[in-house]
PDB file of all heavy atoms in Angstrom:
ATOM      1  N   PHE A   1    -195.466 -45.370 -46.101  1.00  0.00           N
ATOM      2  CA  PHE A   1    -196.451 -46.120 -45.300  1.00  0.00           C
ATOM      3  C   PHE A   1    -195.859 -47.462 -44.861  1.00  0.00           C
ATOM      4  O   PHE A   1    -195.912 -47.837 -43.689  1.00  0.00           O
ATOM      5  CB  PHE A   1    -197.732 -46.347 -46.120  1.00  0.00           C
ATOM      6  CG  PHE A   1    -198.756 -47.200 -45.421  1.00  0.00           C
ATOM      7  CD1 PHE A   1    -199.679 -46.617 -44.559  1.00  0.00           C
ATOM      8  CD2 PHE A   1    -198.796 -48.571 -45.608  1.00  0.00           C
ATOM      9  CE1 PHE A   1    -200.616 -47.397 -43.898  1.00  0.00           C
ATOM     10  CE2 PHE A   1    -199.732 -49.368 -44.946  1.00  0.00           C
ATOM     11  CZ  PHE A   1    -200.650 -48.779 -44.093  1.00  0.00           C
ATOM     12  N   TRP A   2    -195.250 -48.196 -45.819  1.00  0.00           N
ATOM     13  CA  TRP A   2    -194.721 -49.526 -45.483  1.00  0.00           C
ATOM     14  C   TRP A   2    -193.484 -49.435 -44.601  1.00  0.00           C
ATOM     15  O   TRP A   2    -193.226 -50.328 -43.796  1.00  0.00           O
ATOM     16  CB  TRP A   2    -194.435 -50.335 -46.758  1.00  0.00           C
ATOM     17  CG  TRP A   2    -195.698 -50.725 -47.458  1.00  0.00           C
ATOM     18  CD1 TRP A   2    -196.093 -50.385 -48.717  1.00  0.00           C
ATOM     19  CD2 TRP A   2    -196.770 -51.527 -46.914  1.00  0.00           C
ATOM     20  NE1 TRP A   2    -197.341 -50.910 -48.995  1.00  0.00           N
ATOM     21  CE2 TRP A   2    -197.774 -51.617 -47.910  1.00  0.00           C
ATOM     22  CE3 TRP A   2    -196.978 -52.166 -45.701  1.00  0.00           C
ATOM     23  CZ2 TRP A   2    -198.955 -52.317 -47.716  1.00  0.00           C
ATOM     24  CZ3 TRP A   2    -198.161 -52.864 -45.503  1.00  0.00           C
ATOM     25  CH2 TRP A   2    -199.132 -52.936 -46.495  1.00  0.00           C
ATOM     26  N   LEU A   3    -192.735 -48.323 -44.728  1.00  0.00           N
ATOM     27  CA  LEU A   3    -191.579 -48.145 -43.843  1.00  0.00           C
ATOM     28  C   LEU A   3    -192.068 -47.991 -42.395  1.00  0.00           C
ATOM     29  O   LEU A   3    -191.516 -48.603 -41.474  1.00  0.00           O
ATOM     30  CB  LEU A   3    -190.773 -46.911 -44.258  1.00  0.00           C
ATOM     31  CG  LEU A   3    -189.489 -46.690 -43.468  1.00  0.00           C
ATOM     32  CD1 LEU A   3    -188.445 -47.742 -43.809  1.00  0.00           C
ATOM     33  CD2 LEU A   3    -188.935 -45.308 -43.716  1.00  0.00           C
ATOM     34  N   ALA A   4    -193.130 -47.185 -42.198  1.00  0.00           N
ATOM     35  CA  ALA A   4    -193.697 -47.003 -40.853  1.00  0.00           C
ATOM     36  C   ALA A   4    -194.285 -48.321 -40.350  1.00  0.00           C
ATOM     37  O   ALA A   4    -194.124 -48.689 -39.191  1.00  0.00           O
ATOM     38  CB  ALA A   4    -194.768 -45.912 -40.880  1.00  0.00           C
ATOM     39  N   GLU A   5    -194.954 -49.055 -41.250  1.00  0.00           N
ATOM     40  CA  GLU A   5    -195.582 -50.334 -40.854  1.00  0.00           C
ATOM     41  C   GLU A   5    -194.512 -51.350 -40.461  1.00  0.00           C
ATOM     42  O   GLU A   5    -194.632 -52.072 -39.480  1.00  0.00           O
ATOM     43  CB  GLU A   5    -196.428 -50.857 -42.037  1.00  0.00           C
ATOM     44  CG  GLU A   5    -197.282 -52.071 -41.702  1.00  0.00           C
ATOM     45  CD  GLU A   5    -196.582 -53.400 -41.947  1.00  0.00           C
ATOM     46  OE1 GLU A   5    -195.516 -53.424 -42.604  1.00  0.00           O
ATOM     47  OE2 GLU A   5    -197.100 -54.421 -41.468  1.00  0.00           O
ATOM     48  N   LYS A   6    -193.415 -51.385 -41.234  1.00  0.00           N
ATOM     49  CA  LYS A   6    -192.344 -52.346 -40.957  1.00  0.00           C
ATOM     50  C   LYS A   6    -191.682 -52.033 -39.611  1.00  0.00           C
ATOM     51  O   LYS A   6    -191.227 -52.922 -38.905  1.00  0.00           O
ATOM     52  CB  LYS A   6    -191.308 -52.282 -42.078  1.00  0.00           C
ATOM     53  CG  LYS A   6    -190.336 -53.446 -42.034  1.00  0.00           C
ATOM     54  CD  LYS A   6    -189.149 -53.213 -42.923  1.00  0.00           C
ATOM     55  CE  LYS A   6    -189.542 -53.229 -44.384  1.00  0.00           C
ATOM     56  NZ  LYS A   6    -188.371 -53.063 -45.245  1.00  0.00           N
ATOM     57  N   ASN A   7    -191.644 -50.738 -39.257  1.00  0.00           N
ATOM     58  CA  ASN A   7    -191.095 -50.333 -37.962  1.00  0.00           C
ATOM     59  C   ASN A   7    -192.112 -50.480 -36.835  1.00  0.00           C
ATOM     60  O   ASN A   7    -191.851 -50.098 -35.706  1.00  0.00           O
ATOM     61  CB  ASN A   7    -190.598 -48.881 -38.029  1.00  0.00           C
ATOM     62  CG  ASN A   7    -189.216 -48.781 -38.634  1.00  0.00           C
ATOM     63  OD1 ASN A   7    -188.231 -49.073 -37.977  1.00  0.00           O
ATOM     64  ND2 ASN A   7    -189.137 -48.396 -39.896  1.00  0.00           N
ATOM     65  N   ARG A   8    -193.291 -51.009 -37.165  1.00  0.00           N
ATOM     66  CA  ARG A   8    -194.352 -51.263 -36.169  1.00  0.00           C
ATOM     67  C   ARG A   8    -194.810 -49.987 -35.468  1.00  0.00           C
ATOM     68  O   ARG A   8    -194.994 -49.953 -34.259  1.00  0.00           O
ATOM     69  CB  ARG A   8    -193.893 -52.294 -35.116  1.00  0.00           C
ATOM     70  CG  ARG A   8    -193.642 -53.715 -35.597  1.00  0.00           C
ATOM     71  CD  ARG A   8    -194.405 -54.018 -36.759  1.00  0.00           C
ATOM     72  NE  ARG A   8    -194.964 -55.307 -37.021  1.00  0.00           N
ATOM     73  CZ  ARG A   8    -195.533 -55.607 -38.195  1.00  0.00           C
ATOM     74  NH1 ARG A   8    -195.586 -54.726 -39.153  1.00  0.00           N
ATOM     75  NH2 ARG A   8    -196.079 -56.764 -38.423  1.00  0.00           N
ATOM     76  N   LYS A   9    -194.978 -48.903 -36.231  1.00  0.00           N
ATOM     77  CA  LYS A   9    -195.458 -47.641 -35.667  1.00  0.00           C
ATOM     78  C   LYS A   9    -196.965 -47.514 -35.884  1.00  0.00           C
ATOM     79  O   LYS A   9    -197.506 -48.077 -36.840  1.00  0.00           O
ATOM     80  CB  LYS A   9    -194.758 -46.457 -36.349  1.00  0.00           C
ATOM     81  CG  LYS A   9    -193.242 -46.510 -36.286  1.00  0.00           C
ATOM     82  CD  LYS A   9    -192.740 -46.566 -34.865  1.00  0.00           C
ATOM     83  CE  LYS A   9    -191.240 -46.710 -34.771  1.00  0.00           C
ATOM     84  NZ  LYS A   9    -190.789 -46.951 -33.398  1.00  0.00           N
ATOM     85  N   GLY A  10    -197.615 -46.750 -35.007  1.00  0.00           N
ATOM     86  CA  GLY A  10    -199.008 -46.399 -35.267  1.00  0.00           C
ATOM     87  C   GLY A  10    -199.055 -45.504 -36.491  1.00  0.00           C
ATOM     88  O   GLY A  10    -198.134 -44.709 -36.718  1.00  0.00           O
ATOM     89  N   ILE A  11    -200.122 -45.613 -37.287  1.00  0.00           N
ATOM     90  CA  ILE A  11    -200.200 -44.827 -38.526  1.00  0.00           C
ATOM     91  C   ILE A  11    -201.577 -44.170 -38.654  1.00  0.00           C
ATOM     92  O   ILE A  11    -202.603 -44.818 -38.441  1.00  0.00           O
ATOM     93  CB  ILE A  11    -199.953 -45.714 -39.776  1.00  0.00           C
ATOM     94  CG1 ILE A  11    -198.604 -46.441 -39.673  1.00  0.00           C
ATOM     95  CG2 ILE A  11    -199.993 -44.879 -41.054  1.00  0.00           C
ATOM     96  CD1 ILE A  11    -198.380 -47.509 -40.743  1.00  0.00           C
ATOM     97  N   VAL A  12    -201.561 -42.867 -38.995  1.00  0.00           N
ATOM     98  CA  VAL A  12    -202.784 -42.150 -39.363  1.00  0.00           C
ATOM     99  C   VAL A  12    -202.505 -41.504 -40.719  1.00  0.00           C
ATOM    100  O   VAL A  12    -201.471 -40.854 -40.894  1.00  0.00           O
ATOM    101  CB  VAL A  12    -203.134 -41.054 -38.332  1.00  0.00           C
ATOM    102  CG1 VAL A  12    -204.399 -40.323 -38.737  1.00  0.00           C
ATOM    103  CG2 VAL A  12    -203.296 -41.646 -36.929  1.00  0.00           C
ATOM    104  N   ILE A  13    -203.403 -41.704 -41.683  1.00  0.00           N
ATOM    105  CA  ILE A  13    -203.222 -41.085 -43.003  1.00  0.00           C
ATOM    106  C   ILE A  13    -204.048 -39.800 -43.062  1.00  0.00           C
ATOM    107  O   ILE A  13    -205.262 -39.816 -42.805  1.00  0.00           O
ATOM    108  CB  ILE A  13    -203.640 -42.049 -44.130  1.00  0.00           C
ATOM    109  CG1 ILE A  13    -202.711 -43.277 -44.143  1.00  0.00           C
ATOM    110  CG2 ILE A  13    -203.596 -41.354 -45.489  1.00  0.00           C
ATOM    111  CD1 ILE A  13    -203.100 -44.356 -45.141  1.00  0.00           C
ATOM    112  N   LEU A  14    -203.375 -38.674 -43.362  1.00  0.00           N
ATOM    113  CA  LEU A  14    -204.057 -37.380 -43.483  1.00  0.00           C
ATOM    114  C   LEU A  14    -204.008 -36.935 -44.940  1.00  0.00           C
ATOM    115  O   LEU A  14    -202.933 -36.724 -45.491  1.00  0.00           O
ATOM    116  CB  LEU A  14    -203.363 -36.333 -42.604  1.00  0.00           C
ATOM    117  CG  LEU A  14    -203.244 -36.663 -41.112  1.00  0.00           C
ATOM    118  CD1 LEU A  14    -202.508 -35.553 -40.387  1.00  0.00           C
ATOM    119  CD2 LEU A  14    -204.621 -36.873 -40.489  1.00  0.00           C
ATOM    120  N   VAL A  15    -205.183 -36.830 -45.556  1.00  0.00           N
ATOM    121  CA  VAL A  15    -205.248 -36.348 -46.941  1.00  0.00           C
ATOM    122  C   VAL A  15    -205.355 -34.827 -46.870  1.00  0.00           C
ATOM    123  O   VAL A  15    -206.421 -34.274 -46.583  1.00  0.00           O
ATOM    124  CB  VAL A  15    -206.463 -36.969 -47.684  1.00  0.00           C
ATOM    125  CG1 VAL A  15    -206.466 -36.537 -49.140  1.00  0.00           C
ATOM    126  CG2 VAL A  15    -206.419 -38.492 -47.594  1.00  0.00           C
ATOM    127  N   ASN A  16    -204.222 -34.143 -47.103  1.00  0.00           N
ATOM    128  CA  ASN A  16    -204.162 -32.679 -46.952  1.00  0.00           C
ATOM    129  C   ASN A  16    -204.570 -31.975 -48.258  1.00  0.00           C
ATOM    130  O   ASN A  16    -204.650 -32.603 -49.303  1.00  0.00           O
ATOM    131  CB  ASN A  16    -202.735 -32.287 -46.544  1.00  0.00           C
ATOM    132  CG  ASN A  16    -202.627 -30.827 -46.152  1.00  0.00           C
ATOM    133  OD1 ASN A  16    -203.598 -30.232 -45.696  1.00  0.00           O
ATOM    134  ND2 ASN A  16    -201.464 -30.239 -46.342  1.00  0.00           N
ATOM    135  N   LYS A  17    -204.806 -30.665 -48.169  1.00  0.00           N
ATOM    136  CA  LYS A  17    -205.222 -29.824 -49.311  1.00  0.00           C
ATOM    137  C   LYS A  17    -206.583 -30.277 -49.848  1.00  0.00           C
ATOM    138  O   LYS A  17    -206.853 -30.175 -51.053  1.00  0.00           O
ATOM    139  CB  LYS A  17    -204.162 -29.844 -50.438  1.00  0.00           C
ATOM    140  CG  LYS A  17    -202.743 -29.510 -49.956  1.00  0.00           C
ATOM    141  CD  LYS A  17    -201.751 -29.417 -51.096  1.00  0.00           C
ATOM    142  CE  LYS A  17    -200.334 -29.230 -50.598  1.00  0.00           C
ATOM    143  NZ  LYS A  17    -199.317 -29.179 -51.640  1.00  0.00           N
ATOM    144  N   TRP A  18    -207.421 -30.790 -48.949  1.00  0.00           N
ATOM    145  CA  TRP A  18    -208.745 -31.277 -49.357  1.00  0.00           C
ATOM    146  C   TRP A  18    -209.626 -30.134 -49.872  1.00  0.00           C
ATOM    147  O   TRP A  18    -210.558 -30.338 -50.633  1.00  0.00           O
ATOM    148  CB  TRP A  18    -209.413 -32.005 -48.185  1.00  0.00           C
ATOM    149  CG  TRP A  18    -210.608 -32.808 -48.573  1.00  0.00           C
ATOM    150  CD1 TRP A  18    -211.881 -32.680 -48.096  1.00  0.00           C
ATOM    151  CD2 TRP A  18    -210.658 -33.872 -49.537  1.00  0.00           C
ATOM    152  NE1 TRP A  18    -212.718 -33.600 -48.694  1.00  0.00           N
ATOM    153  CE2 TRP A  18    -211.993 -34.342 -49.578  1.00  0.00           C
ATOM    154  CE3 TRP A  18    -209.716 -34.473 -50.363  1.00  0.00           C
ATOM    155  CZ2 TRP A  18    -212.390 -35.378 -50.423  1.00  0.00           C
ATOM    156  CZ3 TRP A  18    -210.121 -35.504 -51.199  1.00  0.00           C
ATOM    157  CH2 TRP A  18    -211.439 -35.946 -51.220  1.00  0.00           C
ATOM    158  N   ASP A  19    -209.293 -28.895 -49.457  1.00  0.00           N
ATOM    159  CA  ASP A  19    -210.065 -27.730 -49.910  1.00  0.00           C
ATOM    160  C   ASP A  19    -209.843 -27.450 -51.393  1.00  0.00           C
ATOM    161  O   ASP A  19    -210.624 -26.740 -52.028  1.00  0.00           O
ATOM    162  CB  ASP A  19    -209.686 -26.483 -49.089  1.00  0.00           C
ATOM    163  CG  ASP A  19    -208.176 -26.266 -49.054  1.00  0.00           C
ATOM    164  OD1 ASP A  19    -207.459 -27.259 -48.796  1.00  0.00           O
ATOM    165  OD2 ASP A  19    -207.711 -25.142 -49.289  1.00  0.00           O
ATOM    166  N   LEU A  20    -208.777 -28.020 -51.979  1.00  0.00           N
ATOM    167  CA  LEU A  20    -208.467 -27.751 -53.393  1.00  0.00           C
ATOM    168  C   LEU A  20    -209.092 -28.769 -54.347  1.00  0.00           C
ATOM    169  O   LEU A  20    -208.966 -28.659 -55.559  1.00  0.00           O
ATOM    170  CB  LEU A  20    -206.949 -27.766 -53.617  1.00  0.00           C
ATOM    171  CG  LEU A  20    -206.123 -26.775 -52.785  1.00  0.00           C
ATOM    172  CD1 LEU A  20    -204.642 -26.926 -53.095  1.00  0.00           C
ATOM    173  CD2 LEU A  20    -206.573 -25.336 -53.064  1.00  0.00           C
ATOM    174  N   VAL A  21    -209.750 -29.790 -53.784  1.00  0.00           N
ATOM    175  CA  VAL A  21    -210.271 -30.883 -54.621  1.00  0.00           C
ATOM    176  C   VAL A  21    -211.735 -30.635 -54.972  1.00  0.00           C
ATOM    177  O   VAL A  21    -212.545 -30.281 -54.116  1.00  0.00           O
ATOM    178  CB  VAL A  21    -210.133 -32.239 -53.874  1.00  0.00           C
ATOM    179  CG1 VAL A  21    -210.776 -33.367 -54.657  1.00  0.00           C
ATOM    180  CG2 VAL A  21    -208.669 -32.539 -53.615  1.00  0.00           C
ATOM    181  N   GLU A  22    -212.059 -30.800 -56.277  1.00  0.00           N
ATOM    182  CA  GLU A  22    -213.462 -30.717 -56.711  1.00  0.00           C
ATOM    183  C   GLU A  22    -214.227 -31.888 -56.107  1.00  0.00           C
ATOM    184  O   GLU A  22    -213.808 -33.036 -56.213  1.00  0.00           O
ATOM    185  CB  GLU A  22    -213.525 -30.818 -58.250  1.00  0.00           C
ATOM    186  CG  GLU A  22    -212.965 -29.614 -58.981  1.00  0.00           C
ATOM    187  CD  GLU A  22    -213.842 -28.383 -58.835  1.00  0.00           C
ATOM    188  OE1 GLU A  22    -215.075 -28.543 -58.816  1.00  0.00           O
ATOM    189  OE2 GLU A  22    -213.293 -27.277 -58.696  1.00  0.00           O
ATOM    190  N   LYS A  23    -215.349 -31.606 -55.459  1.00  0.00           N
ATOM    191  CA  LYS A  23    -216.038 -32.680 -54.741  1.00  0.00           C
ATOM    192  C   LYS A  23    -217.410 -32.974 -55.318  1.00  0.00           C
ATOM    193  O   LYS A  23    -218.103 -32.109 -55.823  1.00  0.00           O
ATOM    194  CB  LYS A  23    -216.187 -32.306 -53.266  1.00  0.00           C
ATOM    195  CG  LYS A  23    -214.842 -32.079 -52.600  1.00  0.00           C
ATOM    196  CD  LYS A  23    -214.948 -31.660 -51.181  1.00  0.00           C
ATOM    197  CE  LYS A  23    -213.615 -31.192 -50.661  1.00  0.00           C
ATOM    198  NZ  LYS A  23    -213.049 -30.063 -51.330  1.00  0.00           N
ATOM    199  N   ASP A  24    -217.789 -34.250 -55.231  1.00  0.00           N
ATOM    200  CA  ASP A  24    -219.188 -34.624 -55.435  1.00  0.00           C
ATOM    201  C   ASP A  24    -219.535 -35.583 -54.298  1.00  0.00           C
ATOM    202  O   ASP A  24    -218.737 -35.813 -53.401  1.00  0.00           O
ATOM    203  CB  ASP A  24    -219.392 -35.273 -56.819  1.00  0.00           C
ATOM    204  CG  ASP A  24    -218.507 -36.492 -57.014  1.00  0.00           C
ATOM    205  OD1 ASP A  24    -218.464 -37.333 -56.086  1.00  0.00           O
ATOM    206  OD2 ASP A  24    -217.863 -36.613 -58.074  1.00  0.00           O
ATOM    207  N   THR A  25    -220.716 -36.137 -54.310  1.00  0.00           N
ATOM    208  CA  THR A  25    -221.188 -36.914 -53.152  1.00  0.00           C
ATOM    209  C   THR A  25    -220.311 -38.128 -52.853  1.00  0.00           C
ATOM    210  O   THR A  25    -220.245 -38.594 -51.734  1.00  0.00           O
ATOM    211  CB  THR A  25    -222.637 -37.397 -53.375  1.00  0.00           C
ATOM    212  OG1 THR A  25    -222.690 -38.000 -54.673  1.00  0.00           O
ATOM    213  CG2 THR A  25    -223.602 -36.259 -53.297  1.00  0.00           C
ATOM    214  N   MET A  26    -219.640 -38.669 -53.864  1.00  0.00           N
ATOM    215  CA  MET A  26    -218.882 -39.902 -53.660  1.00  0.00           C
ATOM    216  C   MET A  26    -217.378 -39.675 -53.460  1.00  0.00           C
ATOM    217  O   MET A  26    -216.648 -40.612 -53.244  1.00  0.00           O
ATOM    218  CB  MET A  26    -219.057 -40.831 -54.882  1.00  0.00           C
ATOM    219  CG  MET A  26    -220.460 -41.326 -55.084  1.00  0.00           C
ATOM    220  SD  MET A  26    -220.966 -42.417 -53.753  1.00  0.00           S
ATOM    221  CE  MET A  26    -220.125 -43.914 -54.247  1.00  0.00           C
ATOM    222  N   THR A  27    -216.923 -38.418 -53.530  1.00  0.00           N
ATOM    223  CA  THR A  27    -215.477 -38.178 -53.577  1.00  0.00           C
ATOM    224  C   THR A  27    -214.726 -38.817 -52.418  1.00  0.00           C
ATOM    225  O   THR A  27    -213.807 -39.588 -52.626  1.00  0.00           O
ATOM    226  CB  THR A  27    -215.173 -36.667 -53.610  1.00  0.00           C
ATOM    227  OG1 THR A  27    -215.893 -36.097 -54.681  1.00  0.00           O
ATOM    228  CG2 THR A  27    -213.695 -36.428 -53.833  1.00  0.00           C
ATOM    229  N   THR A  28    -215.108 -38.500 -51.163  1.00  0.00           N
ATOM    230  CA  THR A  28    -214.341 -39.014 -50.014  1.00  0.00           C
ATOM    231  C   THR A  28    -214.387 -40.540 -49.976  1.00  0.00           C
ATOM    232  O   THR A  28    -213.375 -41.185 -49.723  1.00  0.00           O
ATOM    233  CB  THR A  28    -214.868 -38.463 -48.672  1.00  0.00           C
ATOM    234  OG1 THR A  28    -216.270 -38.618 -48.639  1.00  0.00           O
ATOM    235  CG2 THR A  28    -214.496 -37.022 -48.483  1.00  0.00           C
ATOM    236  N   ARG A  29    -215.576 -41.091 -50.246  1.00  0.00           N
ATOM    237  CA  ARG A  29    -215.706 -42.557 -50.170  1.00  0.00           C
ATOM    238  C   ARG A  29    -214.803 -43.235 -51.218  1.00  0.00           C
ATOM    239  O   ARG A  29    -214.103 -44.191 -50.932  1.00  0.00           O
ATOM    240  CB  ARG A  29    -217.165 -42.965 -50.377  1.00  0.00           C
ATOM    241  CG  ARG A  29    -217.449 -44.356 -49.806  1.00  0.00           C
ATOM    242  CD  ARG A  29    -218.842 -44.823 -50.117  1.00  0.00           C
ATOM    243  NE  ARG A  29    -219.849 -43.821 -49.828  1.00  0.00           N
ATOM    244  CZ  ARG A  29    -221.121 -43.919 -50.209  1.00  0.00           C
ATOM    245  NH1 ARG A  29    -221.524 -44.965 -50.906  1.00  0.00           N
ATOM    246  NH2 ARG A  29    -221.992 -42.987 -49.911  1.00  0.00           N
ATOM    247  N   ASP A  30    -214.836 -42.700 -52.448  1.00  0.00           N
ATOM    248  CA  ASP A  30    -214.013 -43.282 -53.523  1.00  0.00           C
ATOM    249  C   ASP A  30    -212.525 -43.134 -53.215  1.00  0.00           C
ATOM    250  O   ASP A  30    -211.732 -44.052 -53.417  1.00  0.00           O
ATOM    251  CB  ASP A  30    -214.317 -42.604 -54.866  1.00  0.00           C
ATOM    252  CG  ASP A  30    -215.708 -42.963 -55.376  1.00  0.00           C
ATOM    253  OD1 ASP A  30    -216.288 -43.891 -54.774  1.00  0.00           O
ATOM    254  OD2 ASP A  30    -216.198 -42.330 -56.310  1.00  0.00           O
ATOM    255  N   TYR A  31    -212.160 -41.949 -52.745  1.00  0.00           N
ATOM    256  CA  TYR A  31    -210.758 -41.650 -52.443  1.00  0.00           C
ATOM    257  C   TYR A  31    -210.253 -42.595 -51.356  1.00  0.00           C
ATOM    258  O   TYR A  31    -209.179 -43.183 -51.465  1.00  0.00           O
ATOM    259  CB  TYR A  31    -210.656 -40.198 -51.957  1.00  0.00           C
ATOM    260  CG  TYR A  31    -209.350 -39.512 -52.269  1.00  0.00           C
ATOM    261  CD1 TYR A  31    -209.254 -38.573 -53.288  1.00  0.00           C
ATOM    262  CD2 TYR A  31    -208.203 -39.792 -51.527  1.00  0.00           C
ATOM    263  CE1 TYR A  31    -208.049 -37.935 -53.563  1.00  0.00           C
ATOM    264  CE2 TYR A  31    -206.999 -39.159 -51.802  1.00  0.00           C
ATOM    265  CZ  TYR A  31    -206.933 -38.224 -52.822  1.00  0.00           C
ATOM    266  OH  TYR A  31    -205.741 -37.599 -53.093  1.00  0.00           O
ATOM    267  N   GLU A  32    -211.075 -42.750 -50.317  1.00  0.00           N
ATOM    268  CA  GLU A  32    -210.694 -43.621 -49.199  1.00  0.00           C
ATOM    269  C   GLU A  32    -210.578 -45.078 -49.662  1.00  0.00           C
ATOM    270  O   GLU A  32    -209.652 -45.793 -49.286  1.00  0.00           O
ATOM    271  CB  GLU A  32    -211.740 -43.505 -48.079  1.00  0.00           C
ATOM    272  CG  GLU A  32    -211.309 -44.169 -46.807  1.00  0.00           C
ATOM    273  CD  GLU A  32    -212.282 -43.902 -45.644  1.00  0.00           C
ATOM    274  OE1 GLU A  32    -212.792 -42.772 -45.534  1.00  0.00           O
ATOM    275  OE2 GLU A  32    -212.507 -44.840 -44.871  1.00  0.00           O
ATOM    276  N   ARG A  33    -211.527 -45.504 -50.504  1.00  0.00           N
ATOM    277  CA  ARG A  33    -211.508 -46.889 -50.994  1.00  0.00           C
ATOM    278  C   ARG A  33    -210.218 -47.167 -51.775  1.00  0.00           C
ATOM    279  O   ARG A  33    -209.581 -48.197 -51.617  1.00  0.00           O
ATOM    280  CB  ARG A  33    -212.741 -47.150 -51.865  1.00  0.00           C
ATOM    281  CG  ARG A  33    -212.834 -48.588 -52.395  1.00  0.00           C
ATOM    282  CD  ARG A  33    -214.132 -48.809 -53.143  1.00  0.00           C
ATOM    283  NE  ARG A  33    -214.427 -47.766 -54.112  1.00  0.00           N
ATOM    284  CZ  ARG A  33    -213.842 -47.634 -55.303  1.00  0.00           C
ATOM    285  NH1 ARG A  33    -212.923 -48.505 -55.691  1.00  0.00           N
ATOM    286  NH2 ARG A  33    -214.173 -46.652 -56.114  1.00  0.00           N
ATOM    287  N   LYS A  34    -209.820 -46.183 -52.618  1.00  0.00           N
ATOM    288  CA  LYS A  34    -208.596 -46.356 -53.412  1.00  0.00           C
ATOM    289  C   LYS A  34    -207.372 -46.506 -52.512  1.00  0.00           C
ATOM    290  O   LYS A  34    -206.508 -47.344 -52.750  1.00  0.00           O
ATOM    291  CB  LYS A  34    -208.392 -45.146 -54.338  1.00  0.00           C
ATOM    292  CG  LYS A  34    -209.189 -45.265 -55.644  1.00  0.00           C
ATOM    293  CD  LYS A  34    -208.917 -44.086 -56.538  1.00  0.00           C
ATOM    294  CE  LYS A  34    -209.960 -44.023 -57.653  1.00  0.00           C
ATOM    295  NZ  LYS A  34    -210.153 -42.672 -58.157  1.00  0.00           N
ATOM    296  N   ILE A  35    -207.294 -45.669 -51.466  1.00  0.00           N
ATOM    297  CA  ILE A  35    -206.148 -45.748 -50.549  1.00  0.00           C
ATOM    298  C   ILE A  35    -206.133 -47.110 -49.866  1.00  0.00           C
ATOM    299  O   ILE A  35    -205.091 -47.767 -49.766  1.00  0.00           O
ATOM    300  CB  ILE A  35    -206.195 -44.610 -49.501  1.00  0.00           C
ATOM    301  CG1 ILE A  35    -205.969 -43.251 -50.174  1.00  0.00           C
ATOM    302  CG2 ILE A  35    -205.134 -44.833 -48.419  1.00  0.00           C
ATOM    303  CD1 ILE A  35    -206.105 -42.059 -49.260  1.00  0.00           C
ATOM    304  N   ARG A  36    -207.294 -47.567 -49.406  1.00  0.00           N
ATOM    305  CA  ARG A  36    -207.342 -48.859 -48.691  1.00  0.00           C
ATOM    306  C   ARG A  36    -206.946 -50.014 -49.614  1.00  0.00           C
ATOM    307  O   ARG A  36    -206.338 -50.983 -49.184  1.00  0.00           O
ATOM    308  CB  ARG A  36    -208.718 -49.099 -48.084  1.00  0.00           C
ATOM    309  CG  ARG A  36    -209.033 -48.129 -46.959  1.00  0.00           C
ATOM    310  CD  ARG A  36    -210.081 -48.612 -45.991  1.00  0.00           C
ATOM    311  NE  ARG A  36    -210.513 -47.538 -45.102  1.00  0.00           N
ATOM    312  CZ  ARG A  36    -209.851 -47.114 -44.037  1.00  0.00           C
ATOM    313  NH1 ARG A  36    -208.705 -47.697 -43.713  1.00  0.00           N
ATOM    314  NH2 ARG A  36    -210.303 -46.136 -43.294  1.00  0.00           N
ATOM    315  N   GLU A  37    -207.287 -49.888 -50.893  1.00  0.00           N
ATOM    316  CA  GLU A  37    -206.856 -50.927 -51.851  1.00  0.00           C
ATOM    317  C   GLU A  37    -205.325 -50.952 -51.959  1.00  0.00           C
ATOM    318  O   GLU A  37    -204.709 -52.005 -52.043  1.00  0.00           O
ATOM    319  CB  GLU A  37    -207.456 -50.651 -53.236  1.00  0.00           C
ATOM    320  CG  GLU A  37    -208.915 -51.088 -53.356  1.00  0.00           C
ATOM    321  CD  GLU A  37    -209.561 -50.585 -54.650  1.00  0.00           C
ATOM    322  OE1 GLU A  37    -208.837 -50.061 -55.532  1.00  0.00           O
ATOM    323  OE2 GLU A  37    -210.797 -50.703 -54.768  1.00  0.00           O
TER     324      GLU A  37
END
């Protein structure tokens, strides 16, 4: 991520294999919050 940022590239984060993750109502929100931190 920081290599792309240092090169001043546009960045999109794709969390793949989402079908394999056990989900509850807060999963995506918590996961996203952790990445942003």
